[in-house]
């Protein structure tokens, strides 16, 4: 299972890469494996203000549909529109080219509430039992 050490994670299997006051977000390798072949992605528009834990999109696979939740509060400043046309990239590169949105973080203290690599690894291990 690929769980990069430099990212932050949620219990709902989203990840966040923090660079200054911008957080790139996507779903984890574990989540994309559970979903299977991803066929559709919808993400809130640029300019949308979101709260931590709020739905910002929907992802669908051949198996199921799932909501995507924002790991942090802020304003969406960029959406990866390439994923709208080629959502299967999420299965191939969930932590790289398959970022879904970038959020300008409005409450940096929320970062401390996210899971670190080791905490997320334990969560996945428990869920896999």
Protein backbone atom coordinates (compact mmCIF):
# COMPACT_ATOMS: atom_id res chain seq x y z
CA UNK A 1 0.00 0.00 0.00
CA UNK A 2 1.41 3.36 -1.04
CA UNK A 3 1.14 5.95 1.79
CA UNK A 4 3.55 8.86 1.17
CA UNK A 5 5.11 10.24 4.35
CA UNK A 6 4.93 13.90 3.28
CA UNK A 7 1.13 14.07 3.04
CA UNK A 8 -1.72 14.48 5.51
CA UNK A 9 -4.75 12.17 5.52
CA UNK A 10 -8.38 11.99 6.62
CA UNK A 11 -10.35 9.07 8.03
CA UNK A 12 -12.46 9.27 4.86
CA UNK A 13 -9.34 8.50 2.75
CA UNK A 14 -8.58 11.90 1.27
CA UNK A 15 -5.04 13.25 1.26
CA UNK A 16 -3.66 16.79 1.41
CA UNK A 17 -0.27 18.09 0.25
CA UNK A 18 0.41 21.40 1.99
CA UNK A 19 2.55 23.97 0.15
CA UNK A 20 2.45 27.35 1.89
CA UNK A 21 -1.23 28.22 2.26
CA UNK A 22 -2.34 25.94 -0.62
CA UNK A 23 -3.48 22.35 -0.10
CA UNK A 24 -3.68 20.00 -3.07
CA UNK A 25 -6.19 17.24 -2.34
CA UNK A 26 -7.16 13.88 -3.74
CA UNK A 27 -8.10 10.36 -2.69
CA UNK A 28 -5.63 7.82 -1.37
CA UNK A 29 -4.25 4.74 -3.05
CA UNK A 30 -6.30 2.65 -0.61
CA UNK A 31 -9.52 4.48 -1.60
CA UNK A 32 -8.97 4.11 -5.33
CA UNK A 33 -8.29 0.38 -4.89
CA UNK A 34 -11.53 -0.03 -2.94
CA UNK A 35 -13.48 1.84 -5.62
CA UNK A 36 -12.02 -0.07 -8.56
CA UNK A 37 -11.98 1.37 -12.08
CA UNK A 38 -12.94 5.05 -11.78
CA UNK A 39 -15.23 6.28 -14.56
CA UNK A 40 -16.53 9.68 -13.39
CA UNK A 41 -15.43 12.63 -11.28
CA UNK A 42 -17.20 15.85 -10.37
CA UNK A 43 -15.58 18.57 -8.25
CA UNK A 44 -16.94 21.88 -6.95
CA UNK A 45 -16.11 24.98 -8.97
CA UNK A 46 -13.18 27.34 -8.49
CA UNK A 47 -14.16 30.07 -6.02
CA UNK A 48 -16.33 27.77 -3.90
CA UNK A 49 -15.76 28.30 -0.17
CA UNK A 50 -15.72 25.04 1.77
CA UNK A 51 -15.55 23.97 5.39
CA UNK A 52 -13.48 21.08 6.68
CA UNK A 53 -15.43 17.86 6.19
CA UNK A 54 -17.82 19.36 3.64
CA UNK A 55 -18.59 17.56 0.38
CA UNK A 56 -16.64 18.99 -2.55
CA UNK A 57 -17.27 16.36 -5.16
CA UNK A 58 -18.38 12.93 -6.26
CA UNK A 59 -16.37 10.05 -7.65
CA UNK A 60 -17.87 7.04 -9.38
CA UNK A 61 -16.41 3.70 -10.30
CA UNK A 62 -17.78 0.57 -11.90
CA UNK A 63 -18.53 -0.60 -8.34
CA UNK A 64 -19.87 2.43 -6.45
CA UNK A 65 -20.23 6.18 -6.08
CA UNK A 66 -18.60 8.09 -3.23
CA UNK A 67 -18.52 11.64 -1.97
CA UNK A 68 -15.24 13.52 -1.68
CA UNK A 69 -14.85 15.65 1.44
CA UNK A 70 -12.57 18.61 1.97
CA UNK A 71 -9.83 17.86 4.49
CA UNK A 72 -9.50 21.59 5.27
CA UNK A 73 -11.52 24.80 5.22
CA UNK A 74 -10.82 27.35 2.54
CA UNK A 75 -11.57 28.44 -1.00
CA UNK A 76 -11.10 26.25 -4.06
CA UNK A 77 -8.54 28.02 -6.23
CA UNK A 78 -7.94 25.35 -8.87
CA UNK A 79 -9.63 22.18 -10.13
CA UNK A 80 -7.84 19.46 -12.09
CA UNK A 81 -10.10 19.61 -15.15
CA UNK A 82 -8.03 16.95 -16.94
CA UNK A 83 -9.45 14.39 -14.49
CA UNK A 84 -12.99 15.22 -15.63
CA UNK A 85 -12.12 13.85 -19.09
CA UNK A 86 -9.76 11.08 -17.91
CA UNK A 87 -10.84 10.02 -14.40
CA UNK A 88 -9.03 6.68 -14.78
CA UNK A 89 -5.77 8.54 -14.06
CA UNK A 90 -6.82 8.40 -10.40
CA UNK A 91 -6.29 4.63 -10.49
CA UNK A 92 -2.81 5.04 -11.98
CA UNK A 93 -1.35 7.99 -10.04
CA UNK A 94 -3.53 8.92 -7.02
CA UNK A 95 -0.84 11.06 -5.33
CA UNK A 96 0.61 12.77 -8.39
CA UNK A 97 -1.22 13.86 -11.52
CA UNK A 98 -4.56 12.84 -9.97
CA UNK A 99 -4.88 15.70 -7.50
CA UNK A 100 -8.49 16.86 -7.68
CA UNK A 101 -8.54 20.38 -6.30
CA UNK A 102 -6.33 23.00 -4.69
CA UNK A 103 -7.66 24.89 -1.71
CA UNK A 104 -6.40 28.15 -0.26
CA UNK A 105 -6.42 27.18 3.42
CA UNK A 106 -8.34 29.61 5.64
CA UNK A 107 -7.69 27.91 8.99
CA UNK A 108 -4.14 26.46 9.17
CA UNK A 109 -4.76 25.08 12.68
CA UNK A 110 -6.98 22.40 11.05
CA UNK A 111 -3.85 20.82 9.58
CA UNK A 112 -2.97 19.55 13.06
CA UNK A 113 -6.25 17.59 13.11
CA UNK A 114 -5.33 15.54 10.02
CA UNK A 115 -3.66 12.15 10.21
CA UNK A 116 0.04 11.68 9.57
CA UNK A 117 1.51 8.76 7.62
CA UNK A 118 1.78 6.33 10.54
CA UNK A 119 -1.71 7.14 11.88
CA UNK A 120 -3.26 6.64 8.45
CA UNK A 121 -1.35 3.39 7.94
CA UNK A 122 -2.83 2.05 11.21
CA UNK A 123 -6.33 3.13 10.11
CA UNK A 124 -5.98 1.29 6.78
CA UNK A 125 -4.60 -1.76 8.55
CA UNK A 126 -7.61 -1.84 10.91
CA UNK A 127 -10.09 -1.39 8.06
CA UNK A 128 -8.41 -4.15 6.03
CA UNK A 129 -8.97 -6.79 8.72
